[in-house]
Structure formats: structure tokens, C-alpha cells
PDB file of all heavy atoms in Angstrom:
ATOM      1  N   GLU A   1      87.387 107.418 115.924  1.00  0.00           N
ATOM      2  CA  GLU A   1      86.440 106.745 114.988  1.00  0.00           C
ATOM      3  C   GLU A   1      87.074 105.536 114.370  1.00  0.00           C
ATOM      4  O   GLU A   1      86.472 104.493 114.233  1.00  0.00           O
ATOM      5  CB  GLU A   1      85.936 107.725 113.940  1.00  0.00           C
ATOM      6  CG  GLU A   1      85.036 108.825 114.487  1.00  0.00           C
ATOM      7  CD  GLU A   1      84.739 109.908 113.457  1.00  0.00           C
ATOM      8  OE1 GLU A   1      85.454 109.900 112.424  1.00  0.00           O
ATOM      9  OE2 GLU A   1      83.856 110.733 113.713  1.00  0.00           O
ATOM     10  N   ALA A   2      88.382 105.668 113.964  1.00  0.00           N
ATOM     11  CA  ALA A   2      89.080 104.553 113.347  1.00  0.00           C
ATOM     12  C   ALA A   2      89.254 103.424 114.390  1.00  0.00           C
ATOM     13  O   ALA A   2      89.146 102.261 114.077  1.00  0.00           O
ATOM     14  CB  ALA A   2      90.448 105.027 112.828  1.00  0.00           C
ATOM     15  N   TRP A   3      89.566 103.811 115.641  1.00  0.00           N
ATOM     16  CA  TRP A   3      89.743 102.839 116.700  1.00  0.00           C
ATOM     17  C   TRP A   3      88.473 102.058 116.957  1.00  0.00           C
ATOM     18  O   TRP A   3      88.458 100.809 117.084  1.00  0.00           O
ATOM     19  CB  TRP A   3      90.210 103.539 117.960  1.00  0.00           C
ATOM     20  CG  TRP A   3      90.326 102.672 119.179  1.00  0.00           C
ATOM     21  CD1 TRP A   3      91.107 101.555 119.312  1.00  0.00           C
ATOM     22  CD2 TRP A   3      89.603 102.812 120.383  1.00  0.00           C
ATOM     23  NE1 TRP A   3      90.979 100.991 120.559  1.00  0.00           N
ATOM     24  CE2 TRP A   3      90.049 101.755 121.255  1.00  0.00           C
ATOM     25  CE3 TRP A   3      88.675 103.735 120.875  1.00  0.00           C
ATOM     26  CZ2 TRP A   3      89.545 101.625 122.553  1.00  0.00           C
ATOM     27  CZ3 TRP A   3      88.218 103.587 122.145  1.00  0.00           C
ATOM     28  CH2 TRP A   3      88.631 102.513 122.998  1.00  0.00           C
ATOM     29  N   ASN A   4      87.349 102.750 117.049  1.00  0.00           N
ATOM     30  CA  ASN A   4      86.044 102.109 117.238  1.00  0.00           C
ATOM     31  C   ASN A   4      85.741 101.173 116.095  1.00  0.00           C
ATOM     32  O   ASN A   4      85.099 100.116 116.255  1.00  0.00           O
ATOM     33  CB  ASN A   4      84.953 103.143 117.442  1.00  0.00           C
ATOM     34  CG  ASN A   4      85.030 103.811 118.822  1.00  0.00           C
ATOM     35  OD1 ASN A   4      85.412 103.169 119.774  1.00  0.00           O
ATOM     36  ND2 ASN A   4      84.662 105.100 118.847  1.00  0.00           N
ATOM     37  N   GLU A   5      86.099 101.592 114.876  1.00  0.00           N
ATOM     38  CA  GLU A   5      85.844 100.733 113.670  1.00  0.00           C
ATOM     39  C   GLU A   5      86.611  99.470 113.783  1.00  0.00           C
ATOM     40  O   GLU A   5      86.104  98.342 113.458  1.00  0.00           O
ATOM     41  CB  GLU A   5      86.177 101.517 112.424  1.00  0.00           C
ATOM     42  CG  GLU A   5      85.901 100.766 111.151  1.00  0.00           C
ATOM     43  CD  GLU A   5      86.222 101.579 109.909  1.00  0.00           C
ATOM     44  OE1 GLU A   5      86.502 102.806 110.030  1.00  0.00           O
ATOM     45  OE2 GLU A   5      86.197 100.963 108.818  1.00  0.00           O
ATOM     46  N   MET A   6      87.877  99.517 114.223  1.00  0.00           N
ATOM     47  CA  MET A   6      88.698  98.335 114.389  1.00  0.00           C
ATOM     48  C   MET A   6      88.087  97.424 115.425  1.00  0.00           C
ATOM     49  O   MET A   6      88.022  96.174 115.271  1.00  0.00           O
ATOM     50  CB  MET A   6      90.131  98.693 114.808  1.00  0.00           C
ATOM     51  CG  MET A   6      90.968  99.311 113.688  1.00  0.00           C
ATOM     52  SD  MET A   6      92.602  99.698 114.312  1.00  0.00           S
ATOM     53  CE  MET A   6      93.289 100.472 112.813  1.00  0.00           C
ATOM     54  N   ARG A   7      87.614  97.956 116.540  1.00  0.00           N
ATOM     55  CA  ARG A   7      87.010  97.131 117.537  1.00  0.00           C
ATOM     56  C   ARG A   7      85.759  96.450 117.010  1.00  0.00           C
ATOM     57  O   ARG A   7      85.471  95.328 117.323  1.00  0.00           O
ATOM     58  CB  ARG A   7      86.676  97.998 118.777  1.00  0.00           C
ATOM     59  CG  ARG A   7      87.859  98.476 119.576  1.00  0.00           C
ATOM     60  CD  ARG A   7      87.486  98.845 120.987  1.00  0.00           C
ATOM     61  NE  ARG A   7      86.405  99.790 120.962  1.00  0.00           N
ATOM     62  CZ  ARG A   7      85.702 100.152 122.092  1.00  0.00           C
ATOM     63  NH1 ARG A   7      85.999  99.531 123.208  1.00  0.00           N
ATOM     64  NH2 ARG A   7      84.748 101.047 122.015  1.00  0.00           N
ATOM     65  N   GLY A   8      84.959  97.197 116.206  1.00  0.00           N
ATOM     66  CA  GLY A   8      83.761  96.646 115.681  1.00  0.00           C
ATOM     67  C   GLY A   8      84.007  95.561 114.664  1.00  0.00           C
ATOM     68  O   GLY A   8      83.144  94.695 114.520  1.00  0.00           O
ATOM     69  N   LEU A   9      85.202  95.545 114.048  1.00  0.00           N
ATOM     70  CA  LEU A   9      85.533  94.463 113.097  1.00  0.00           C
ATOM     71  C   LEU A   9      86.056  93.237 113.818  1.00  0.00           C
ATOM     72  O   LEU A   9      86.460  92.272 113.146  1.00  0.00           O
ATOM     73  CB  LEU A   9      86.576  95.002 112.112  1.00  0.00           C
ATOM     74  CG  LEU A   9      86.105  96.134 111.142  1.00  0.00           C
ATOM     75  CD1 LEU A   9      87.245  96.688 110.351  1.00  0.00           C
ATOM     76  CD2 LEU A   9      85.002  95.595 110.254  1.00  0.00           C
ATOM     77  N   GLY A  10      86.162  93.260 115.127  1.00  0.00           N
ATOM     78  CA  GLY A  10      86.561  92.094 115.869  1.00  0.00           C
ATOM     79  C   GLY A  10      88.060  91.870 115.898  1.00  0.00           C
ATOM     80  O   GLY A  10      88.464  90.692 115.884  1.00  0.00           O
ATOM     81  N   ASP A  11      88.815  92.960 115.855  1.00  0.00           N
ATOM     82  CA  ASP A  11      90.328  92.852 115.899  1.00  0.00           C
ATOM     83  C   ASP A  11      90.784  93.614 117.093  1.00  0.00           C
ATOM     84  O   ASP A  11      91.419  94.722 116.936  1.00  0.00           O
ATOM     85  CB  ASP A  11      90.904  93.349 114.605  1.00  0.00           C
ATOM     86  CG  ASP A  11      92.397  92.997 114.485  1.00  0.00           C
ATOM     87  OD1 ASP A  11      92.927  92.463 115.458  1.00  0.00           O
ATOM     88  OD2 ASP A  11      92.955  93.213 113.401  1.00  0.00           O
ATOM     89  N   PRO A  12      90.600  93.098 118.332  1.00  0.00           N
ATOM     90  CA  PRO A  12      90.998  93.829 119.531  1.00  0.00           C
ATOM     91  C   PRO A  12      92.447  94.150 119.628  1.00  0.00           C
ATOM     92  O   PRO A  12      92.877  95.149 120.185  1.00  0.00           O
ATOM     93  CB  PRO A  12      90.467  92.942 120.667  1.00  0.00           C
ATOM     94  CG  PRO A  12      90.401  91.591 120.099  1.00  0.00           C
ATOM     95  CD  PRO A  12      90.002  91.794 118.670  1.00  0.00           C
ATOM     96  N   ALA A  13      93.305  93.241 119.122  1.00  0.00           N
ATOM     97  CA  ALA A  13      94.742  93.434 119.224  1.00  0.00           C
ATOM     98  C   ALA A  13      95.123  94.617 118.340  1.00  0.00           C
ATOM     99  O   ALA A  13      95.916  95.496 118.820  1.00  0.00           O
ATOM    100  CB  ALA A  13      95.471  92.151 118.709  1.00  0.00           C
ATOM    101  N   ALA A  14      94.633  94.748 117.129  1.00  0.00           N
ATOM    102  CA  ALA A  14      94.958  95.854 116.304  1.00  0.00           C
ATOM    103  C   ALA A  14      94.395  97.170 116.878  1.00  0.00           C
ATOM    104  O   ALA A  14      95.042  98.205 116.833  1.00  0.00           O
ATOM    105  CB  ALA A  14      94.416  95.661 114.849  1.00  0.00           C
ATOM    106  N   ALA A  15      93.186  97.080 117.450  1.00  0.00           N
ATOM    107  CA  ALA A  15      92.555  98.265 118.079  1.00  0.00           C
ATOM    108  C   ALA A  15      93.378  98.736 119.268  1.00  0.00           C
ATOM    109  O   ALA A  15      93.583  99.937 119.426  1.00  0.00           O
ATOM    110  CB  ALA A  15      91.151  97.916 118.521  1.00  0.00           C
ATOM    111  N   LYS A  16      93.894  97.813 120.078  1.00  0.00           N
ATOM    112  CA  LYS A  16      94.700  98.189 121.208  1.00  0.00           C
ATOM    113  C   LYS A  16      95.995  98.870 120.808  1.00  0.00           C
ATOM    114  O   LYS A  16      96.385  99.809 121.363  1.00  0.00           O
ATOM    115  CB  LYS A  16      94.981  96.934 122.081  1.00  0.00           C
ATOM    116  CG  LYS A  16      95.763  97.257 123.339  1.00  0.00           C
ATOM    117  CD  LYS A  16      95.985  96.004 124.162  1.00  0.00           C
ATOM    118  CE  LYS A  16      96.761  96.300 125.435  1.00  0.00           C
ATOM    119  NZ  LYS A  16      96.987  95.089 126.256  1.00  0.00           N
ATOM    120  N   LYS A  17      96.608  98.298 119.739  1.00  0.00           N
ATOM    121  CA  LYS A  17      97.860  98.820 119.264  1.00  0.00           C
ATOM    122  C   LYS A  17      97.583 100.231 118.643  1.00  0.00           C
ATOM    123  O   LYS A  17      98.403 101.146 118.876  1.00  0.00           O
ATOM    124  CB  LYS A  17      98.426  97.898 118.197  1.00  0.00           C
ATOM    125  CG  LYS A  17      99.830  98.317 117.740  1.00  0.00           C
ATOM    126  CD  LYS A  17     100.395  97.265 116.782  1.00  0.00           C
ATOM    127  CE  LYS A  17     101.788  97.656 116.336  1.00  0.00           C
ATOM    128  NZ  LYS A  17     102.344  96.654 115.395  1.00  0.00           N
ATOM    129  N   PHE A  18      96.501 100.386 117.985  1.00  0.00           N
ATOM    130  CA  PHE A  18      96.233 101.668 117.359  1.00  0.00           C
ATOM    131  C   PHE A  18      95.879 102.730 118.387  1.00  0.00           C
ATOM    132  O   PHE A  18      96.222 103.902 118.200  1.00  0.00           O
ATOM    133  CB  PHE A  18      95.015 101.563 116.387  1.00  0.00           C
ATOM    134  CG  PHE A  18      94.693 102.824 115.661  1.00  0.00           C
ATOM    135  CD1 PHE A  18      95.522 103.306 114.691  1.00  0.00           C
ATOM    136  CD2 PHE A  18      93.638 103.568 115.968  1.00  0.00           C
ATOM    137  CE1 PHE A  18      95.292 104.475 114.002  1.00  0.00           C
ATOM    138  CE2 PHE A  18      93.315 104.769 115.315  1.00  0.00           C
ATOM    139  CZ  PHE A  18      94.157 105.220 114.313  1.00  0.00           C
ATOM    140  N   LYS A  19      95.277 102.307 119.505  1.00  0.00           N
ATOM    141  CA  LYS A  19      94.944 103.261 120.587  1.00  0.00           C
ATOM    142  C   LYS A  19      96.225 103.896 121.112  1.00  0.00           C
ATOM    143  O   LYS A  19      96.266 105.041 121.471  1.00  0.00           O
ATOM    144  CB  LYS A  19      94.208 102.543 121.705  1.00  0.00           C
ATOM    145  CG  LYS A  19      93.725 103.519 122.792  1.00  0.00           C
ATOM    146  CD  LYS A  19      92.941 102.812 123.839  1.00  0.00           C
ATOM    147  CE  LYS A  19      92.439 103.803 124.913  1.00  0.00           C
ATOM    148  NZ  LYS A  19      91.707 103.067 125.996  1.00  0.00           N
ATOM    149  N   GLY A  20      97.295 103.143 121.084  1.00  0.00           N
ATOM    150  CA  GLY A  20      98.567 103.671 121.580  1.00  0.00           C
ATOM    151  C   GLY A  20      99.240 104.657 120.629  1.00  0.00           C
ATOM    152  O   GLY A  20     100.239 105.270 120.955  1.00  0.00           O
ATOM    153  N   ALA A  21      98.640 104.871 119.444  1.00  0.00           N
ATOM    154  CA  ALA A  21      99.180 105.770 118.461  1.00  0.00           C
ATOM    155  C   ALA A  21      98.733 107.233 118.726  1.00  0.00           C
ATOM    156  O   ALA A  21      99.131 108.137 118.014  1.00  0.00           O
ATOM    157  CB  ALA A  21      98.795 105.423 117.039  1.00  0.00           C
ATOM    158  N   ARG A  22      97.932 107.443 119.785  1.00  0.00           N
ATOM    159  CA  ARG A  22      97.380 108.791 119.967  1.00  0.00           C
ATOM    160  C   ARG A  22      98.453 109.869 120.056  1.00  0.00           C
ATOM    161  O   ARG A  22      98.336 110.912 119.347  1.00  0.00           O
ATOM    162  CB  ARG A  22      96.562 108.745 121.294  1.00  0.00           C
ATOM    163  CG  ARG A  22      95.869 110.092 121.550  1.00  0.00           C
ATOM    164  CD  ARG A  22      95.161 110.096 122.866  1.00  0.00           C
ATOM    165  NE  ARG A  22      94.473 111.340 122.999  1.00  0.00           N
ATOM    166  CZ  ARG A  22      94.253 111.967 124.134  1.00  0.00           C
ATOM    167  NH1 ARG A  22      94.761 111.461 125.249  1.00  0.00           N
ATOM    168  NH2 ARG A  22      93.600 113.085 124.224  1.00  0.00           N
ATOM    169  N   TRP A  23      99.488 109.648 120.881  1.00  0.00           N
ATOM    170  CA  TRP A  23     100.461 110.729 121.054  1.00  0.00           C
ATOM    171  C   TRP A  23     101.350 110.842 119.871  1.00  0.00           C
ATOM    172  O   TRP A  23     101.933 111.875 119.585  1.00  0.00           O
ATOM    173  CB  TRP A  23     101.283 110.472 122.332  1.00  0.00           C
ATOM    174  CG  TRP A  23     100.412 110.588 123.575  1.00  0.00           C
ATOM    175  CD1 TRP A  23     100.121 109.592 124.460  1.00  0.00           C
ATOM    176  CD2 TRP A  23      99.683 111.760 123.983  1.00  0.00           C
ATOM    177  NE1 TRP A  23      99.219 110.106 125.396  1.00  0.00           N
ATOM    178  CE2 TRP A  23      99.000 111.399 125.165  1.00  0.00           C
ATOM    179  CE3 TRP A  23      99.561 113.017 123.492  1.00  0.00           C
ATOM    180  CZ2 TRP A  23      98.188 112.270 125.823  1.00  0.00           C
ATOM    181  CZ3 TRP A  23      98.763 113.938 124.197  1.00  0.00           C
ATOM    182  CH2 TRP A  23      98.098 113.575 125.361  1.00  0.00           C
ATOM    183  N   SER A  24     101.518 109.767 119.105  1.00  0.00           N
ATOM    184  CA  SER A  24     102.273 109.847 117.861  1.00  0.00           C
ATOM    185  C   SER A  24     101.621 110.852 116.866  1.00  0.00           C
ATOM    186  O   SER A  24     102.303 111.548 116.126  1.00  0.00           O
ATOM    187  CB  SER A  24     102.363 108.470 117.169  1.00  0.00           C
ATOM    188  OG  SER A  24     103.035 107.563 118.003  1.00  0.00           O
ATOM    189  N   LEU A  25     100.266 110.910 116.941  1.00  0.00           N
ATOM    190  CA  LEU A  25      99.568 111.802 116.033  1.00  0.00           C
ATOM    191  C   LEU A  25      99.433 113.216 116.608  1.00  0.00           C
ATOM    192  O   LEU A  25      99.497 114.216 115.847  1.00  0.00           O
ATOM    193  CB  LEU A  25      98.125 111.267 115.818  1.00  0.00           C
ATOM    194  CG  LEU A  25      98.094 109.931 114.980  1.00  0.00           C
ATOM    195  CD1 LEU A  25      96.662 109.370 115.125  1.00  0.00           C
ATOM    196  CD2 LEU A  25      98.371 110.236 113.538  1.00  0.00           C
ATOM    197  N   LEU A  26      99.256 113.305 117.926  1.00  0.00           N
ATOM    198  CA  LEU A  26      98.931 114.603 118.520  1.00  0.00           C
ATOM    199  C   LEU A  26     100.169 115.420 118.895  1.00  0.00           C
ATOM    200  O   LEU A  26     100.081 116.676 118.892  1.00  0.00           O
ATOM    201  CB  LEU A  26      98.017 114.459 119.728  1.00  0.00           C
ATOM    202  CG  LEU A  26      96.614 113.832 119.452  1.00  0.00           C
ATOM    203  CD1 LEU A  26      95.816 113.727 120.729  1.00  0.00           C
ATOM    204  CD2 LEU A  26      95.847 114.739 118.478  1.00  0.00           C
ATOM    205  N   LYS A  27     101.246 114.824 119.233  1.00  0.00           N
ATOM    206  CA  LYS A  27     102.480 115.550 119.618  1.00  0.00           C
ATOM    207  C   LYS A  27     103.083 116.182 118.406  1.00  0.00           C
ATOM    208  O   LYS A  27     102.983 115.688 117.261  1.00  0.00           O
ATOM    209  CB  LYS A  27     103.469 114.622 120.314  1.00  0.00           C
ATOM    210  CG  LYS A  27     103.025 114.215 121.735  1.00  0.00           C
ATOM    211  CD  LYS A  27     104.036 113.237 122.336  1.00  0.00           C
ATOM    212  CE  LYS A  27     105.411 113.756 122.551  1.00  0.00           C
ATOM    213  NZ  LYS A  27     106.256 112.698 123.292  1.00  0.00           N
ATOM    214  N   ASN A  28     103.824 117.258 118.596  1.00  0.00           N
ATOM    215  CA  ASN A  28     104.583 117.872 117.528  1.00  0.00           C
ATOM    216  C   ASN A  28     105.673 116.908 117.083  1.00  0.00           C
ATOM    217  O   ASN A  28     106.306 116.235 117.927  1.00  0.00           O
ATOM    218  CB  ASN A  28     105.206 119.195 117.972  1.00  0.00           C
ATOM    219  CG  ASN A  28     104.114 120.204 118.319  1.00  0.00           C
ATOM    220  OD1 ASN A  28     102.998 120.087 117.957  1.00  0.00           O
ATOM    221  ND2 ASN A  28     104.488 121.214 119.112  1.00  0.00           N
ATOM    222  N   PRO A  29     105.957 116.845 115.779  1.00  0.00           N
ATOM    223  CA  PRO A  29     106.936 115.862 115.285  1.00  0.00           C
ATOM    224  C   PRO A  29     108.248 115.941 115.965  1.00  0.00           C
ATOM    225  O   PRO A  29     108.915 114.916 116.201  1.00  0.00           O
ATOM    226  CB  PRO A  29     107.017 116.171 113.792  1.00  0.00           C
ATOM    227  CG  PRO A  29     105.706 116.850 113.427  1.00  0.00           C
ATOM    228  CD  PRO A  29     105.320 117.619 114.719  1.00  0.00           C
ATOM    229  N   GLU A  30     108.723 117.135 116.287  1.00  0.00           N
ATOM    230  CA  GLU A  30     110.031 117.299 116.895  1.00  0.00           C
ATOM    231  C   GLU A  30     110.098 116.805 118.333  1.00  0.00           C
ATOM    232  O   GLU A  30     111.186 116.657 118.931  1.00  0.00           O
ATOM    233  CB  GLU A  30     110.501 118.757 116.833  1.00  0.00           C
ATOM    234  CG  GLU A  30     109.602 119.746 117.620  1.00  0.00           C
ATOM    235  CD  GLU A  30     108.434 120.284 116.780  1.00  0.00           C
ATOM    236  OE1 GLU A  30     108.137 119.685 115.763  1.00  0.00           O
ATOM    237  OE2 GLU A  30     107.864 121.289 117.193  1.00  0.00           O
ATOM    238  N   ASN A  31     108.949 116.550 118.931  1.00  0.00           N
ATOM    239  CA  ASN A  31     108.911 116.073 120.314  1.00  0.00           C
ATOM    240  C   ASN A  31     108.623 114.548 120.462  1.00  0.00           C
ATOM    241  O   ASN A  31     108.482 114.043 121.566  1.00  0.00           O
ATOM    242  CB  ASN A  31     107.850 116.824 121.082  1.00  0.00           C
ATOM    243  CG  ASN A  31     108.088 118.315 121.165  1.00  0.00           C
ATOM    244  OD1 ASN A  31     109.279 118.736 121.211  1.00  0.00           O
ATOM    245  ND2 ASN A  31     107.078 119.127 121.228  1.00  0.00           N
ATOM    246  N   LEU A  32     108.570 113.879 119.312  1.00  0.00           N
ATOM    247  CA  LEU A  32     108.227 112.412 119.339  1.00  0.00           C
ATOM    248  C   LEU A  32     109.451 111.605 119.852  1.00  0.00           C
ATOM    249  O   LEU A  32     110.609 111.918 119.590  1.00  0.00           O
ATOM    250  CB  LEU A  32     107.888 111.939 117.948  1.00  0.00           C
ATOM    251  CG  LEU A  32     106.565 112.480 117.319  1.00  0.00           C
ATOM    252  CD1 LEU A  32     106.428 111.946 115.931  1.00  0.00           C
ATOM    253  CD2 LEU A  32     105.354 112.126 118.144  1.00  0.00           C
ATOM    254  N   THR A  33     109.111 110.569 120.606  1.00  0.00           N
ATOM    255  CA  THR A  33     110.139 109.567 120.943  1.00  0.00           C
ATOM    256  C   THR A  33     110.430 108.753 119.693  1.00  0.00           C
ATOM    257  O   THR A  33     109.729 108.794 118.730  1.00  0.00           O
ATOM    258  CB  THR A  33     109.654 108.670 122.078  1.00  0.00           C
ATOM    259  OG1 THR A  33     108.544 107.861 121.630  1.00  0.00           O
ATOM    260  CG2 THR A  33     109.281 109.480 123.323  1.00  0.00           C
ATOM    261  N   ASP A  34     111.517 107.930 119.787  1.00  0.00           N
ATOM    262  CA  ASP A  34     111.823 107.048 118.637  1.00  0.00           C
ATOM    263  C   ASP A  34     110.689 106.109 118.307  1.00  0.00           C
ATOM    264  O   ASP A  34     110.347 105.878 117.163  1.00  0.00           O
ATOM    265  CB  ASP A  34     113.119 106.304 118.911  1.00  0.00           C
ATOM    266  CG  ASP A  34     114.358 107.195 118.947  1.00  0.00           C
ATOM    267  OD1 ASP A  34     114.252 108.317 118.449  1.00  0.00           O
ATOM    268  OD2 ASP A  34     115.384 106.719 119.493  1.00  0.00           O
ATOM    269  N   GLU A  35     110.089 105.575 119.400  1.00  0.00           N
ATOM    270  CA  GLU A  35     108.988 104.611 119.141  1.00  0.00           C
ATOM    271  C   GLU A  35     107.798 105.278 118.546  1.00  0.00           C
ATOM    272  O   GLU A  35     107.128 104.763 117.652  1.00  0.00           O
ATOM    273  CB  GLU A  35     108.621 103.995 120.469  1.00  0.00           C
ATOM    274  CG  GLU A  35     107.546 102.913 120.362  1.00  0.00           C
ATOM    275  CD  GLU A  35     107.189 102.238 121.671  1.00  0.00           C
ATOM    276  OE1 GLU A  35     107.863 102.531 122.650  1.00  0.00           O
ATOM    277  OE2 GLU A  35     106.200 101.406 121.709  1.00  0.00           O
ATOM    278  N   GLN A  36     107.494 106.531 119.014  1.00  0.00           N
ATOM    279  CA  GLN A  36     106.341 107.223 118.451  1.00  0.00           C
ATOM    280  C   GLN A  36     106.594 107.631 117.035  1.00  0.00           C
ATOM    281  O   GLN A  36     105.684 107.569 116.193  1.00  0.00           O
ATOM    282  CB  GLN A  36     106.083 108.475 119.320  1.00  0.00           C
ATOM    283  CG  GLN A  36     105.489 108.152 120.710  1.00  0.00           C
ATOM    284  CD  GLN A  36     105.533 109.355 121.632  1.00  0.00           C
ATOM    285  OE1 GLN A  36     106.240 110.349 121.446  1.00  0.00           O
ATOM    286  NE2 GLN A  36     104.779 109.222 122.737  1.00  0.00           N
ATOM    287  N   ALA A  37     107.868 108.043 116.687  1.00  0.00           N
ATOM    288  CA  ALA A  37     108.148 108.402 115.336  1.00  0.00           C
ATOM    289  C   ALA A  37     108.026 107.149 114.420  1.00  0.00           C
ATOM    290  O   ALA A  37     107.537 107.303 113.262  1.00  0.00           O
ATOM    291  CB  ALA A  37     109.578 108.945 115.260  1.00  0.00           C
ATOM    292  N   SER A  38     108.379 105.992 114.916  1.00  0.00           N
ATOM    293  CA  SER A  38     108.228 104.768 114.122  1.00  0.00           C
ATOM    294  C   SER A  38     106.739 104.467 113.880  1.00  0.00           C
ATOM    295  O   SER A  38     106.395 104.104 112.749  1.00  0.00           O
ATOM    296  CB  SER A  38     108.917 103.616 114.872  1.00  0.00           C
ATOM    297  OG  SER A  38     108.684 102.374 114.198  1.00  0.00           O
ATOM    298  N   THR A  39     105.943 104.658 114.902  1.00  0.00           N
ATOM    299  CA  THR A  39     104.515 104.472 114.748  1.00  0.00           C
ATOM    300  C   THR A  39     103.915 105.414 113.731  1.00  0.00           C
ATOM    301  O   THR A  39     103.075 105.032 112.875  1.00  0.00           O
ATOM    302  CB  THR A  39     103.811 104.665 116.105  1.00  0.00           C
ATOM    303  OG1 THR A  39     104.304 103.726 117.044  1.00  0.00           O
ATOM    304  CG2 THR A  39     102.273 104.495 115.942  1.00  0.00           C
ATOM    305  N   LEU A  40     104.393 106.666 113.732  1.00  0.00           N
ATOM    306  CA  LEU A  40     103.893 107.646 112.778  1.00  0.00           C
ATOM    307  C   LEU A  40     104.280 107.279 111.326  1.00  0.00           C
ATOM    308  O   LEU A  40     103.482 107.395 110.412  1.00  0.00           O
ATOM    309  CB  LEU A  40     104.434 109.014 113.083  1.00  0.00           C
ATOM    310  CG  LEU A  40     103.878 110.202 112.353  1.00  0.00           C
ATOM    311  CD1 LEU A  40     102.385 110.366 112.622  1.00  0.00           C
ATOM    312  CD2 LEU A  40     104.600 111.518 112.692  1.00  0.00           C
TER     313      LEU A  40
END
């Protein structure tokens, strides 16, 4: 829903970057890569 809202606001770059946050949110914290932990 947040991703669709960003797209609707006309910010495709932010929406694309936020779409990549999916695994940062869904994976268990102890299994995150350094990049995913930074995103979180």
C-alpha cells in the first residue's frame, strides 16, 4: 500500500527503492544482510 502510494505521488525512483525493502521487512532480523539491515 505504501509502495502504491509513492507511485501515485509521481515519485517512481522512491517507489522502486522502497520496493526493494521487502526482504528487509519480512526476513528475521538475524538473517538480514548488511544492506538489508541498513535499509531497515
